[in-house]
C-alpha atoms as a PDB file:
ATOM      1  CA  MET A   1     -95.679 -55.202 -28.057  1.00  0.00           C
ATOM      2  CA  PRO A   2     -92.763 -53.340 -26.398  1.00  0.00           C
ATOM      3  CA  GLU A   3     -92.542 -53.736 -22.639  1.00  0.00           C
ATOM      4  CA  LYS A   4     -92.990 -50.824 -20.258  1.00  0.00           C
ATOM      5  CA  LYS A   5     -91.379 -51.422 -16.895  1.00  0.00           C
ATOM      6  CA  TYR A   6     -92.579 -49.962 -13.602  1.00  0.00           C
ATOM      7  CA  LEU A   7     -91.354 -50.247 -10.027  1.00  0.00           C
ATOM      8  CA  THR A   8     -93.778 -49.753  -7.161  1.00  0.00           C
ATOM      9  CA  ASP A   9     -94.551 -50.983  -3.652  1.00  0.00           C
ATOM     10  CA  VAL A  10     -97.880 -52.715  -4.233  1.00  0.00           C
ATOM     11  CA  ALA A  11     -99.698 -53.964  -7.335  1.00  0.00           C
ATOM     12  CA  ILE A  12    -103.472 -54.117  -6.949  1.00  0.00           C
ATOM     13  CA  VAL A  13    -105.335 -56.368  -9.374  1.00  0.00           C
ATOM     14  CA  GLY A  14    -108.882 -55.014  -9.644  1.00  0.00           C
ATOM     15  CA  ALA A  15    -110.173 -51.433  -9.631  1.00  0.00           C
ATOM     16  CA  GLY A  16    -113.492 -52.031  -7.907  1.00  0.00           C
ATOM     17  CA  PRO A  17    -114.432 -50.527  -4.527  1.00  0.00           C
ATOM     18  CA  ALA A  18    -112.151 -52.829  -2.519  1.00  0.00           C
ATOM     19  CA  GLY A  19    -109.194 -52.276  -4.846  1.00  0.00           C
ATOM     20  CA  LEU A  20    -109.572 -48.496  -4.813  1.00  0.00           C
ATOM     21  CA  PHE A  21    -109.846 -48.375  -1.037  1.00  0.00           C
ATOM     22  CA  ALA A  22    -106.834 -50.677  -0.738  1.00  0.00           C
ATOM     23  CA  ALA A  23    -104.814 -48.101  -2.693  1.00  0.00           C
ATOM     24  CA  PHE A  24    -106.014 -45.426  -0.253  1.00  0.00           C
ATOM     25  CA  GLU A  25    -105.081 -47.520   2.791  1.00  0.00           C
ATOM     26  CA  CYS A  26    -101.661 -48.283   1.313  1.00  0.00           C
ATOM     27  CA  GLY A  27    -101.227 -44.599   0.541  1.00  0.00           C
ATOM     28  CA  THR A  28    -101.902 -43.567   4.126  1.00  0.00           C
ATOM     29  CA  LEU A  29     -99.060 -45.897   5.126  1.00  0.00           C
ATOM     30  CA  GLY A  30     -96.656 -44.343   2.619  1.00  0.00           C
ATOM     31  CA  MET A  31     -96.834 -47.103  -0.001  1.00  0.00           C
ATOM     32  CA  LYS A  32     -97.161 -46.452  -3.736  1.00  0.00           C
ATOM     33  CA  CYS A  33     -99.601 -48.503  -5.810  1.00  0.00           C
ATOM     34  CA  HIS A  34    -100.316 -49.515  -9.389  1.00  0.00           C
ATOM     35  CA  ILE A  35    -103.863 -50.699 -10.152  1.00  0.00           C
ATOM     36  CA  ILE A  36    -104.654 -53.089 -13.017  1.00  0.00           C
ATOM     37  CA  ASP A  37    -108.149 -53.846 -14.297  1.00  0.00           C
ATOM     38  CA  SER A  38    -109.593 -55.704 -17.285  1.00  0.00           C
ATOM     39  CA  LEU A  39    -112.319 -53.112 -17.833  1.00  0.00           C
ATOM     40  CA  GLU A  40    -111.854 -49.786 -19.612  1.00  0.00           C
ATOM     41  CA  HIS A  41    -112.670 -47.800 -16.489  1.00  0.00           C
ATOM     42  CA  ILE A  42    -112.445 -48.087 -12.729  1.00  0.00           C
ATOM     43  CA  GLY A  43    -115.323 -49.238 -10.566  1.00  0.00           C
ATOM     44  CA  GLY A  44    -115.752 -52.916 -11.343  1.00  0.00           C
ATOM     45  CA  GLN A  45    -119.343 -54.130 -11.168  1.00  0.00           C
ATOM     46  CA  CYS A  46    -120.485 -50.861  -9.595  1.00  0.00           C
ATOM     47  CA  THR A  47    -119.686 -49.023 -12.814  1.00  0.00           C
ATOM     48  CA  ALA A  48    -120.262 -51.792 -15.343  1.00  0.00           C
ATOM     49  CA  LEU A  49    -123.524 -53.281 -14.082  1.00  0.00           C
ATOM     50  CA  TYR A  50    -125.444 -50.876 -11.864  1.00  0.00           C
ATOM     51  CA  PRO A  51    -123.938 -47.348 -11.717  1.00  0.00           C
ATOM     52  CA  GLU A  52    -127.295 -45.712 -10.993  1.00  0.00           C
ATOM     53  CA  LYS A  53    -128.458 -48.269  -8.437  1.00  0.00           C
ATOM     54  CA  SER A  54    -128.646 -47.062  -4.848  1.00  0.00           C
ATOM     55  CA  ILE A  55    -126.571 -48.754  -2.151  1.00  0.00           C
ATOM     56  CA  TYR A  56    -127.925 -48.487   1.384  1.00  0.00           C
ATOM     57  CA  ASP A  57    -125.274 -50.113   3.588  1.00  0.00           C
ATOM     58  CA  ILE A  58    -122.293 -47.794   3.114  1.00  0.00           C
ATOM     59  CA  PRO A  59    -121.570 -46.213   6.532  1.00  0.00           C
ATOM     60  CA  GLY A  60    -122.433 -42.535   6.655  1.00  0.00           C
ATOM     61  CA  TYR A  61    -124.559 -42.644   3.493  1.00  0.00           C
ATOM     62  CA  PRO A  62    -128.256 -43.457   3.950  1.00  0.00           C
ATOM     63  CA  SER A  63    -128.268 -43.908   0.164  1.00  0.00           C
ATOM     64  CA  ILE A  64    -125.589 -43.521  -2.486  1.00  0.00           C
ATOM     65  CA  SER A  65    -125.552 -44.637  -6.109  1.00  0.00           C
ATOM     66  CA  ALA A  66    -122.903 -47.145  -7.109  1.00  0.00           C
ATOM     67  CA  GLY A  67    -121.468 -44.700  -9.636  1.00  0.00           C
ATOM     68  CA  GLU A  68    -121.232 -41.923  -7.070  1.00  0.00           C
ATOM     69  CA  LEU A  69    -119.529 -44.268  -4.613  1.00  0.00           C
ATOM     70  CA  ILE A  70    -116.808 -44.973  -7.181  1.00  0.00           C
ATOM     71  CA  GLU A  71    -116.410 -41.247  -7.878  1.00  0.00           C
ATOM     72  CA  LYS A  72    -115.883 -40.577  -4.175  1.00  0.00           C
ATOM     73  CA  LEU A  73    -113.433 -43.468  -3.811  1.00  0.00           C
ATOM     74  CA  GLU A  74    -111.466 -42.149  -6.793  1.00  0.00           C
ATOM     75  CA  LYS A  75    -111.374 -38.697  -5.222  1.00  0.00           C
ATOM     76  CA  GLN A  76    -110.372 -40.163  -1.883  1.00  0.00           C
ATOM     77  CA  VAL A  77    -107.368 -42.039  -3.281  1.00  0.00           C
ATOM     78  CA  HIS A  78    -106.323 -39.239  -5.665  1.00  0.00           C
ATOM     79  CA  PRO A  79    -103.846 -37.554  -3.234  1.00  0.00           C
ATOM     80  CA  PHE A  80    -101.765 -40.749  -3.288  1.00  0.00           C
ATOM     81  CA  ALA A  81    -101.487 -40.772  -7.101  1.00  0.00           C
ATOM     82  CA  PRO A  82    -102.075 -44.432  -7.921  1.00  0.00           C
ATOM     83  CA  VAL A  83    -101.083 -45.451 -11.450  1.00  0.00           C
ATOM     84  CA  TYR A  84    -103.922 -47.097 -13.402  1.00  0.00           C
ATOM     85  CA  HIS A  85    -103.435 -49.787 -16.045  1.00  0.00           C
ATOM     86  CA  LEU A  86    -106.932 -50.246 -17.489  1.00  0.00           C
ATOM     87  CA  ASN A  87    -108.327 -52.442 -20.247  1.00  0.00           C
ATOM     88  CA  GLN A  88    -105.688 -55.089 -19.578  1.00  0.00           C
ATOM     89  CA  THR A  89    -105.169 -58.177 -17.467  1.00  0.00           C
ATOM     90  CA  VAL A  90    -102.253 -59.571 -15.516  1.00  0.00           C
ATOM     91  CA  GLU A  91    -101.158 -62.587 -17.531  1.00  0.00           C
ATOM     92  CA  THR A  92     -98.269 -63.814 -15.379  1.00  0.00           C
ATOM     93  CA  LEU A  93     -97.139 -63.268 -11.814  1.00  0.00           C
ATOM     94  CA  LYS A  94     -93.734 -64.516 -10.700  1.00  0.00           C
ATOM     95  CA  ARG A  95     -91.471 -63.835  -7.758  1.00  0.00           C
ATOM     96  CA  GLY A  96     -87.809 -63.220  -8.431  1.00  0.00           C
ATOM     97  CA  ASP A  97     -84.793 -64.078  -6.331  1.00  0.00           C
ATOM     98  CA  ASP A  98     -84.664 -60.443  -5.196  1.00  0.00           C
ATOM     99  CA  GLY A  99     -88.021 -60.842  -3.446  1.00  0.00           C
ATOM    100  CA  TYR A 100     -89.918 -58.650  -5.902  1.00  0.00           C
ATOM    101  CA  TYR A 101     -92.988 -59.903  -7.688  1.00  0.00           C
ATOM    102  CA  GLU A 102     -93.186 -59.251 -11.411  1.00  0.00           C
ATOM    103  CA  ALA A 103     -96.649 -58.823 -12.919  1.00  0.00           C
ATOM    104  CA  ARG A 104     -96.852 -58.816 -16.721  1.00  0.00           C
ATOM    105  CA  THR A 105    -100.016 -57.473 -18.330  1.00  0.00           C
ATOM    106  CA  SER A 106    -101.665 -58.104 -21.678  1.00  0.00           C
ATOM    107  CA  ASN A 107    -100.679 -54.571 -22.776  1.00  0.00           C
ATOM    108  CA  GLY A 108     -96.972 -55.092 -22.219  1.00  0.00           C
ATOM    109  CA  ALA A 109     -96.645 -53.495 -18.779  1.00  0.00           C
ATOM    110  CA  VAL A 110     -94.133 -55.142 -16.439  1.00  0.00           C
ATOM    111  CA  ILE A 111     -94.816 -54.107 -12.851  1.00  0.00           C
ATOM    112  CA  GLN A 112     -92.294 -55.010 -10.149  1.00  0.00           C
ATOM    113  CA  CYS A 113     -93.570 -54.792  -6.580  1.00  0.00           C
ATOM    114  CA  LYS A 114     -93.013 -56.036  -3.051  1.00  0.00           C
ATOM    115  CA  ALA A 115     -96.605 -57.234  -2.607  1.00  0.00           C
ATOM    116  CA  VAL A 116     -99.766 -57.953  -4.585  1.00  0.00           C
ATOM    117  CA  ILE A 117    -103.391 -57.420  -3.594  1.00  0.00           C
ATOM    118  CA  ILE A 118    -105.990 -59.357  -5.597  1.00  0.00           C
ATOM    119  CA  ALA A 119    -109.325 -57.526  -5.537  1.00  0.00           C
ATOM    120  CA  VAL A 120    -111.042 -58.901  -8.613  1.00  0.00           C
ATOM    121  CA  GLY A 121    -114.477 -59.555  -7.126  1.00  0.00           C
ATOM    122  CA  ALA A 122    -115.678 -62.692  -8.876  1.00  0.00           C
ATOM    123  CA  GLY A 123    -112.841 -62.474 -11.385  1.00  0.00           C
ATOM    124  CA  ALA A 124    -111.919 -60.642 -14.565  1.00  0.00           C
ATOM    125  CA  PHE A 125    -115.029 -59.485 -16.399  1.00  0.00           C
ATOM    126  CA  GLY A 126    -115.997 -59.615 -20.023  1.00  0.00           C
ATOM    127  CA  PRO A 127    -119.397 -59.041 -21.629  1.00  0.00           C
ATOM    128  CA  ASN A 128    -121.724 -61.901 -22.466  1.00  0.00           C
ATOM    129  CA  ARG A 129    -121.993 -61.279 -26.206  1.00  0.00           C
ATOM    130  CA  PRO A 130    -125.131 -62.235 -28.125  1.00  0.00           C
ATOM    131  CA  PRO A 131    -124.481 -64.830 -30.879  1.00  0.00           C
ATOM    132  CA  ILE A 132    -124.633 -62.441 -33.844  1.00  0.00           C
ATOM    133  CA  ASP A 133    -122.442 -62.681 -36.943  1.00  0.00           C
ATOM    134  CA  ALA A 134    -119.993 -59.801 -37.444  1.00  0.00           C
ATOM    135  CA  LEU A 135    -120.891 -58.366 -34.037  1.00  0.00           C
ATOM    136  CA  THR A 136    -117.307 -57.405 -33.242  1.00  0.00           C
ATOM    137  CA  SER A 137    -117.084 -55.151 -36.312  1.00  0.00           C
ATOM    138  CA  TYR A 138    -119.656 -52.838 -34.691  1.00  0.00           C
ATOM    139  CA  GLU A 139    -118.226 -52.868 -31.164  1.00  0.00           C
ATOM    140  CA  GLY A 140    -116.982 -49.524 -29.928  1.00  0.00           C
ATOM    141  CA  LYS A 141    -118.755 -47.605 -32.689  1.00  0.00           C
ATOM    142  CA  SER A 142    -122.419 -48.537 -32.487  1.00  0.00           C
ATOM    143  CA  VAL A 143    -122.510 -51.584 -30.182  1.00  0.00           C
ATOM    144  CA  PHE A 144    -121.655 -50.991 -26.540  1.00  0.00           C
ATOM    145  CA  TYR A 145    -121.868 -53.269 -23.504  1.00  0.00           C
ATOM    146  CA  MET A 146    -121.873 -50.495 -20.938  1.00  0.00           C
ATOM    147  CA  VAL A 147    -122.644 -46.791 -20.749  1.00  0.00           C
ATOM    148  CA  ARG A 148    -119.854 -44.468 -19.729  1.00  0.00           C
ATOM    149  CA  ARG A 149    -121.497 -41.128 -20.591  1.00  0.00           C
ATOM    150  CA  ARG A 150    -125.218 -40.677 -21.047  1.00  0.00           C
ATOM    151  CA  GLU A 151    -124.712 -37.719 -23.369  1.00  0.00           C
ATOM    152  CA  ASP A 152    -123.067 -39.972 -25.977  1.00  0.00           C
ATOM    153  CA  PHE A 153    -126.543 -41.334 -26.770  1.00  0.00           C
ATOM    154  CA  ALA A 154    -128.441 -38.060 -26.938  1.00  0.00           C
ATOM    155  CA  GLY A 155    -130.765 -37.797 -29.935  1.00  0.00           C
ATOM    156  CA  LYS A 156    -130.079 -41.367 -31.078  1.00  0.00           C
ATOM    157  CA  THR A 157    -132.362 -44.314 -31.702  1.00  0.00           C
ATOM    158  CA  LEU A 158    -131.330 -47.104 -29.353  1.00  0.00           C
ATOM    159  CA  VAL A 159    -132.034 -50.808 -29.171  1.00  0.00           C
ATOM    160  CA  ILE A 160    -131.560 -52.053 -25.623  1.00  0.00           C
ATOM    161  CA  ALA A 161    -131.624 -55.831 -25.200  1.00  0.00           C
ATOM    162  CA  GLY A 162    -131.862 -57.759 -21.955  1.00  0.00           C
ATOM    163  CA  GLY A 163    -134.148 -58.236 -18.994  1.00  0.00           C
ATOM    164  CA  GLY A 164    -132.017 -57.554 -15.941  1.00  0.00           C
ATOM    165  CA  ASP A 165    -131.242 -54.493 -13.859  1.00  0.00           C
ATOM    166  CA  SER A 166    -128.704 -53.055 -16.310  1.00  0.00           C
ATOM    167  CA  ALA A 167    -131.043 -53.193 -19.311  1.00  0.00           C
ATOM    168  CA  VAL A 168    -134.046 -51.814 -17.454  1.00  0.00           C
ATOM    169  CA  ASP A 169    -132.157 -49.130 -15.547  1.00  0.00           C
ATOM    170  CA  TRP A 170    -130.357 -47.788 -18.610  1.00  0.00           C
ATOM    171  CA  ALA A 171    -133.566 -47.752 -20.640  1.00  0.00           C
ATOM    172  CA  VAL A 172    -135.150 -45.630 -17.916  1.00  0.00           C
ATOM    173  CA  SER A 173    -132.083 -43.407 -17.578  1.00  0.00           C
ATOM    174  CA  LEU A 174    -131.598 -42.769 -21.308  1.00  0.00           C
ATOM    175  CA  ALA A 175    -135.266 -42.296 -22.188  1.00  0.00           C
ATOM    176  CA  ASP A 176    -135.155 -38.533 -21.607  1.00  0.00           C
ATOM    177  CA  ILE A 177    -132.220 -37.906 -23.978  1.00  0.00           C
ATOM    178  CA  ALA A 178    -132.603 -40.578 -26.675  1.00  0.00           C
ATOM    179  CA  ARG A 179    -134.741 -40.006 -29.740  1.00  0.00           C
ATOM    180  CA  LYS A 180    -136.348 -43.412 -29.265  1.00  0.00           C
ATOM    181  CA  ILE A 181    -135.634 -46.614 -27.352  1.00  0.00           C
ATOM    182  CA  TYR A 182    -136.668 -50.092 -28.471  1.00  0.00           C
ATOM    183  CA  PHE A 183    -136.531 -52.451 -25.508  1.00  0.00           C
ATOM    184  CA  VAL A 184    -135.997 -56.037 -26.654  1.00  0.00           C
ATOM    185  CA  HIS A 185    -136.502 -59.047 -24.406  1.00  0.00           C
ATOM    186  CA  ARG A 186    -137.431 -62.661 -25.002  1.00  0.00           C
ATOM    187  CA  ARG A 187    -140.277 -62.647 -22.482  1.00  0.00           C
ATOM    188  CA  ASP A 188    -142.535 -60.248 -20.616  1.00  0.00           C
ATOM    189  CA  LYS A 189    -140.894 -60.916 -17.259  1.00  0.00           C
ATOM    190  CA  PHE A 190    -137.836 -59.110 -15.956  1.00  0.00           C
ATOM    191  CA  ARG A 191    -135.033 -59.856 -13.507  1.00  0.00           C
ATOM    192  CA  ALA A 192    -134.880 -56.213 -12.409  1.00  0.00           C
ATOM    193  CA  THR A 193    -136.225 -54.647  -9.226  1.00  0.00           C
ATOM    194  CA  PRO A 194    -140.008 -54.037  -9.249  1.00  0.00           C
ATOM    195  CA  GLU A 195    -139.472 -50.284  -8.817  1.00  0.00           C
ATOM    196  CA  SER A 196    -137.322 -50.106 -11.949  1.00  0.00           C
ATOM    197  CA  VAL A 197    -139.756 -52.216 -13.964  1.00  0.00           C
ATOM    198  CA  GLU A 198    -142.602 -49.914 -12.907  1.00  0.00           C
ATOM    199  CA  LYS A 199    -140.642 -46.902 -14.176  1.00  0.00           C
ATOM    200  CA  LEU A 200    -140.019 -48.681 -17.477  1.00  0.00           C
ATOM    201  CA  GLU A 201    -143.706 -49.418 -17.894  1.00  0.00           C
ATOM    202  CA  THR A 202    -144.644 -45.816 -17.092  1.00  0.00           C
ATOM    203  CA  ILE A 203    -142.253 -44.414 -19.705  1.00  0.00           C
ATOM    204  CA  ALA A 204    -143.393 -47.004 -22.257  1.00  0.00           C
ATOM    205  CA  LYS A 205    -146.898 -45.533 -22.049  1.00  0.00           C
ATOM    206  CA  THR A 206    -145.507 -42.206 -23.302  1.00  0.00           C
ATOM    207  CA  GLY A 207    -143.987 -43.811 -26.410  1.00  0.00           C
ATOM    208  CA  LYS A 208    -140.390 -42.869 -25.557  1.00  0.00           C
ATOM    209  CA  ILE A 209    -139.721 -46.563 -24.956  1.00  0.00           C
ATOM    210  CA  GLU A 210    -141.269 -49.217 -27.176  1.00  0.00           C
ATOM    211  CA  LYS A 211    -141.238 -52.734 -25.759  1.00  0.00           C
ATOM    212  CA  VAL A 212    -140.455 -55.355 -28.406  1.00  0.00           C
ATOM    213  CA  ILE A 213    -141.412 -58.591 -26.642  1.00  0.00           C
ATOM    214  CA  PRO A 214    -140.986 -61.551 -27.079  1.00  0.00           C
ATOM    215  CA  TYR A 215    -138.109 -61.110 -29.513  1.00  0.00           C
ATOM    216  CA  GLN A 216    -134.381 -61.836 -29.619  1.00  0.00           C
ATOM    217  CA  LEU A 217    -131.461 -60.294 -31.487  1.00  0.00           C
ATOM    218  CA  HIS A 218    -130.775 -62.009 -34.794  1.00  0.00           C
ATOM    219  CA  GLU A 219    -128.715 -59.907 -37.225  1.00  0.00           C
ATOM    220  CA  LEU A 220    -127.143 -56.482 -37.706  1.00  0.00           C
ATOM    221  CA  THR A 221    -126.771 -54.488 -40.895  1.00  0.00           C
ATOM    222  CA  GLY A 222    -124.686 -51.404 -41.515  1.00  0.00           C
ATOM    223  CA  SER A 223    -121.296 -50.324 -42.798  1.00  0.00           C
ATOM    224  CA  ASN A 224    -117.905 -49.322 -41.394  1.00  0.00           C
ATOM    225  CA  GLY A 225    -118.978 -50.322 -37.909  1.00  0.00           C
ATOM    226  CA  PHE A 226    -122.083 -48.135 -37.846  1.00  0.00           C
ATOM    227  CA  LEU A 227    -125.518 -49.680 -37.536  1.00  0.00           C
ATOM    228  CA  LYS A 228    -128.377 -49.246 -39.945  1.00  0.00           C
ATOM    229  CA  THR A 229    -130.827 -51.899 -38.773  1.00  0.00           C
ATOM    230  CA  VAL A 230    -131.220 -54.513 -36.068  1.00  0.00           C
ATOM    231  CA  GLU A 231    -133.106 -57.620 -37.143  1.00  0.00           C
ATOM    232  CA  LEU A 232    -135.037 -59.517 -34.501  1.00  0.00           C
ATOM    233  CA  THR A 233    -136.654 -62.928 -34.459  1.00  0.00           C
ATOM    234  CA  GLY A 234    -139.661 -63.972 -32.406  1.00  0.00           C
ATOM    235  CA  LEU A 235    -140.330 -67.250 -30.668  1.00  0.00           C
ATOM    236  CA  ASP A 236    -142.523 -68.272 -33.610  1.00  0.00           C
ATOM    237  CA  ASP A 237    -139.750 -67.325 -36.095  1.00  0.00           C
ATOM    238  CA  ARG A 238    -141.428 -64.038 -36.971  1.00  0.00           C
ATOM    239  CA  LYS A 239    -138.953 -61.425 -38.129  1.00  0.00           C
ATOM    240  CA  LYS A 240    -138.902 -57.746 -37.222  1.00  0.00           C
ATOM    241  CA  THR A 241    -136.467 -55.086 -38.461  1.00  0.00           C
ATOM    242  CA  ILE A 242    -135.713 -51.909 -36.530  1.00  0.00           C
ATOM    243  CA  GLU A 243    -133.770 -48.926 -37.849  1.00  0.00           C
ATOM    244  CA  ALA A 244    -131.364 -47.905 -35.099  1.00  0.00           C
ATOM    245  CA  ASP A 245    -128.141 -46.017 -34.417  1.00  0.00           C
ATOM    246  CA  VAL A 246    -126.936 -47.971 -31.394  1.00  0.00           C
ATOM    247  CA  LEU A 247    -127.319 -51.437 -29.898  1.00  0.00           C
ATOM    248  CA  LEU A 248    -126.838 -51.847 -26.144  1.00  0.00           C
ATOM    249  CA  PRO A 249    -126.931 -55.579 -25.303  1.00  0.00           C
ATOM    250  CA  PHE A 250    -127.051 -56.051 -21.528  1.00  0.00           C
ATOM    251  CA  PHE A 251    -126.706 -59.770 -20.913  1.00  0.00           C
ATOM    252  CA  GLY A 252    -124.392 -59.445 -17.958  1.00  0.00           C
ATOM    253  CA  LEU A 253    -120.676 -59.895 -17.535  1.00  0.00           C
ATOM    254  CA  ALA A 254    -118.931 -63.250 -17.456  1.00  0.00           C
ATOM    255  CA  PRO A 255    -116.728 -63.481 -14.350  1.00  0.00           C
ATOM    256  CA  GLN A 256    -113.873 -65.951 -14.054  1.00  0.00           C
ATOM    257  CA  LEU A 257    -110.579 -66.186 -12.228  1.00  0.00           C
ATOM    258  CA  GLY A 258    -108.887 -66.869 -15.559  1.00  0.00           C
ATOM    259  CA  VAL A 259    -105.091 -66.795 -15.437  1.00  0.00           C
ATOM    260  CA  ILE A 260    -105.090 -66.068 -11.688  1.00  0.00           C
ATOM    261  CA  ALA A 261    -105.736 -69.762 -11.173  1.00  0.00           C
ATOM    262  CA  GLY A 262    -102.366 -70.430 -12.830  1.00  0.00           C
ATOM    263  CA  TRP A 263    -100.285 -68.259 -10.508  1.00  0.00           C
ATOM    264  CA  GLY A 264     -99.877 -70.993  -7.920  1.00  0.00           C
ATOM    265  CA  ILE A 265    -102.576 -69.539  -5.670  1.00  0.00           C
ATOM    266  CA  HIS A 266    -104.861 -72.006  -3.960  1.00  0.00           C
ATOM    267  CA  THR A 267    -108.504 -71.600  -4.981  1.00  0.00           C
ATOM    268  CA  ASP A 268    -111.765 -73.047  -3.715  1.00  0.00           C
ATOM    269  CA  ASN A 269    -114.868 -72.880  -5.914  1.00  0.00           C
ATOM    270  CA  HIS A 270    -113.530 -69.835  -7.821  1.00  0.00           C
ATOM    271  CA  ARG A 271    -112.599 -68.071  -4.582  1.00  0.00           C
ATOM    272  CA  ILE A 272    -109.221 -67.584  -2.892  1.00  0.00           C
ATOM    273  CA  PRO A 273    -108.833 -68.808   0.707  1.00  0.00           C
ATOM    274  CA  VAL A 274    -106.953 -66.333   2.912  1.00  0.00           C
ATOM    275  CA  ASP A 275    -105.691 -65.953   6.452  1.00  0.00           C
ATOM    276  CA  GLN A 276    -108.399 -63.720   7.914  1.00  0.00           C
ATOM    277  CA  SER A 277    -105.923 -61.954  10.223  1.00  0.00           C
ATOM    278  CA  THR A 278    -103.796 -60.712   7.296  1.00  0.00           C
ATOM    279  CA  GLN A 279    -105.744 -61.505   4.081  1.00  0.00           C
ATOM    280  CA  GLN A 280    -102.652 -63.325   2.811  1.00  0.00           C
ATOM    281  CA  THR A 281    -103.075 -66.226   0.398  1.00  0.00           C
ATOM    282  CA  ASN A 282    -100.920 -69.350   0.375  1.00  0.00           C
ATOM    283  CA  LEU A 283     -98.279 -67.285  -1.450  1.00  0.00           C
ATOM    284  CA  ALA A 284     -96.167 -65.038   0.760  1.00  0.00           C
ATOM    285  CA  GLY A 285     -96.671 -61.417  -0.246  1.00  0.00           C
ATOM    286  CA  VAL A 286     -99.868 -62.062  -2.203  1.00  0.00           C
ATOM    287  CA  PHE A 287    -103.132 -60.993  -0.570  1.00  0.00           C
ATOM    288  CA  ALA A 288    -106.800 -61.208  -1.564  1.00  0.00           C
ATOM    289  CA  ILE A 289    -109.667 -58.956  -0.501  1.00  0.00           C
ATOM    290  CA  GLY A 290    -113.302 -58.380  -1.402  1.00  0.00           C
ATOM    291  CA  ASP A 291    -115.624 -60.967  -2.912  1.00  0.00           C
ATOM    292  CA  VAL A 292    -112.792 -63.107  -4.276  1.00  0.00           C
ATOM    293  CA  ALA A 293    -111.396 -63.750  -0.779  1.00  0.00           C
ATOM    294  CA  VAL A 294    -112.983 -66.453   1.351  1.00  0.00           C
ATOM    295  CA  TYR A 295    -112.691 -67.577   4.966  1.00  0.00           C
ATOM    296  CA  PRO A 296    -115.161 -69.043   7.500  1.00  0.00           C
ATOM    297  CA  ARG A 297    -118.358 -67.001   7.943  1.00  0.00           C
ATOM    298  CA  LYS A 298    -117.299 -64.410   5.343  1.00  0.00           C
ATOM    299  CA  LEU A 299    -119.864 -61.670   4.682  1.00  0.00           C
ATOM    300  CA  LYS A 300    -119.902 -60.625   1.005  1.00  0.00           C
ATOM    301  CA  LEU A 301    -120.475 -56.914   1.529  1.00  0.00           C
ATOM    302  CA  ILE A 302    -118.668 -53.881   0.142  1.00  0.00           C
ATOM    303  CA  LEU A 303    -117.911 -52.705   3.668  1.00  0.00           C
ATOM    304  CA  THR A 304    -116.297 -56.085   4.398  1.00  0.00           C
ATOM    305  CA  GLY A 305    -113.997 -55.493   1.431  1.00  0.00           C
ATOM    306  CA  PHE A 306    -113.096 -52.086   2.845  1.00  0.00           C
ATOM    307  CA  SER A 307    -112.123 -53.647   6.173  1.00  0.00           C
ATOM    308  CA  GLU A 308    -110.087 -56.334   4.425  1.00  0.00           C
ATOM    309  CA  ALA A 309    -108.276 -53.637   2.424  1.00  0.00           C
ATOM    310  CA  ALA A 310    -107.098 -52.004   5.652  1.00  0.00           C
ATOM    311  CA  ILE A 311    -106.041 -55.353   7.128  1.00  0.00           C
ATOM    312  CA  ALA A 312    -104.049 -56.247   4.011  1.00  0.00           C
ATOM    313  CA  ALA A 313    -102.344 -52.838   3.838  1.00  0.00           C
ATOM    314  CA  HIS A 314    -101.129 -53.114   7.418  1.00  0.00           C
ATOM    315  CA  ALA A 315     -99.924 -56.676   6.811  1.00  0.00           C
ATOM    316  CA  ILE A 316     -97.999 -55.498   3.729  1.00  0.00           C
ATOM    317  CA  TYR A 317     -96.269 -52.582   5.482  1.00  0.00           C
ATOM    318  CA  PRO A 318     -93.405 -54.659   7.004  1.00  0.00           C
ATOM    319  CA  LEU A 319     -92.786 -56.273   3.604  1.00  0.00           C
ATOM    320  CA  VAL A 320     -92.259 -52.877   1.988  1.00  0.00           C
ATOM    321  CA  PHE A 321     -90.488 -51.189   4.900  1.00  0.00           C
ATOM    322  CA  GLN A 322     -88.462 -54.035   6.341  1.00  0.00           C
ATOM    323  CA  GLY A 323     -87.242 -53.381   9.845  1.00  0.00           C
ATOM    324  CA  LYS A 324     -89.326 -50.234  10.205  1.00  0.00           C
ATOM    325  CA  GLU A 325     -91.879 -50.332  12.986  1.00  0.00           C
ATOM    326  CA  LEU A 326     -95.397 -49.183  12.143  1.00  0.00           C
ATOM    327  CA  HIS A 327     -96.862 -46.802  14.695  1.00  0.00           C
ATOM    328  CA  PHE A 328    -100.595 -46.754  14.150  1.00  0.00           C
ATOM    329  CA  VAL A 329    -102.049 -43.249  13.904  1.00  0.00           C
ATOM    330  CA  TYR A 330    -105.700 -42.360  13.285  1.00  0.00           C
ATOM    331  CA  SER A 331    -106.502 -40.445  10.103  1.00  0.00           C
ATOM    332  CA  THR A 332    -107.954 -37.625  12.199  1.00  0.00           C
ATOM    333  CA  THR A 333    -104.414 -36.990  13.442  1.00  0.00           C
ATOM    334  CA  LYS A 334    -102.411 -37.976  10.361  1.00  0.00           C
ATOM    335  CA  GLY A 335    -104.601 -36.458   7.646  1.00  0.00           C
ATOM    336  CA  VAL A 336    -103.789 -36.919   3.938  1.00  0.00           C
ATOM    337  CA  PRO A 337    -101.402 -35.117   1.545  1.00  0.00           C
END
């Protein structure tokens, strides 16, 4: 794959809430950013796992859905024109003799920068795939691990598998536009919030959602990546075949630090220890914020990640603008472009 080279001030690894706000904070200080994320879209867990879930501890918002929060963060950082590198991971990170870090991604991007902010939450995410033969041949055409646009599933027969918040919430959300939803789970107990489960049960009484319990996914049939049937197996080895257009298996995402652990950064139980006053790791010029960063009495809250983003941006400023003094100015005075 041919390399594409970029030069910027800061490379941010992770496009979740903390990463997006870090790009905003860097932007207010005149620093350009590139953002890399392993998922196909920005938002991290907020978008991938619970976009329609309400969050109640974001200052100024008595309630805001996770998806809407990401939309507002994207709009907030937009004036500073961050460059996104999505659906790829940073495979290597090395510092050259010139003081620049060089981040190479799985898609052939080579990003040179003065500083790096790691905001990967619990790590790079990938779907927990059910053990089904030939599953990958259907992915992206009729098997999806997350929902980007509800309208893509209008008028279709869906099989939704799983028992957590994502499975239950998307079944409830898609019920009004899908032709039919078969909800597959291995037991009649769910790991979702009681309110969401109650909504699922209410819709199931109308027939728009049919609960297929206790069953598990067993086999797919179809052609050219498009489903025809989903075969299920029960706990007593009973078989059941469902004609369906789409399979949405929601078994969570598998987080891991992956190659980050090989960059020379100290880790502790899959977290990265930082200096709380700067968010810097053991590597000069490399910072960590959000859930991946750890220090004594750390609170794992989105708003904590926002605060850490501001701290890291101010610590990075003298690395980008060497010898230039930073005069702190409130946003009410400075504004945005």
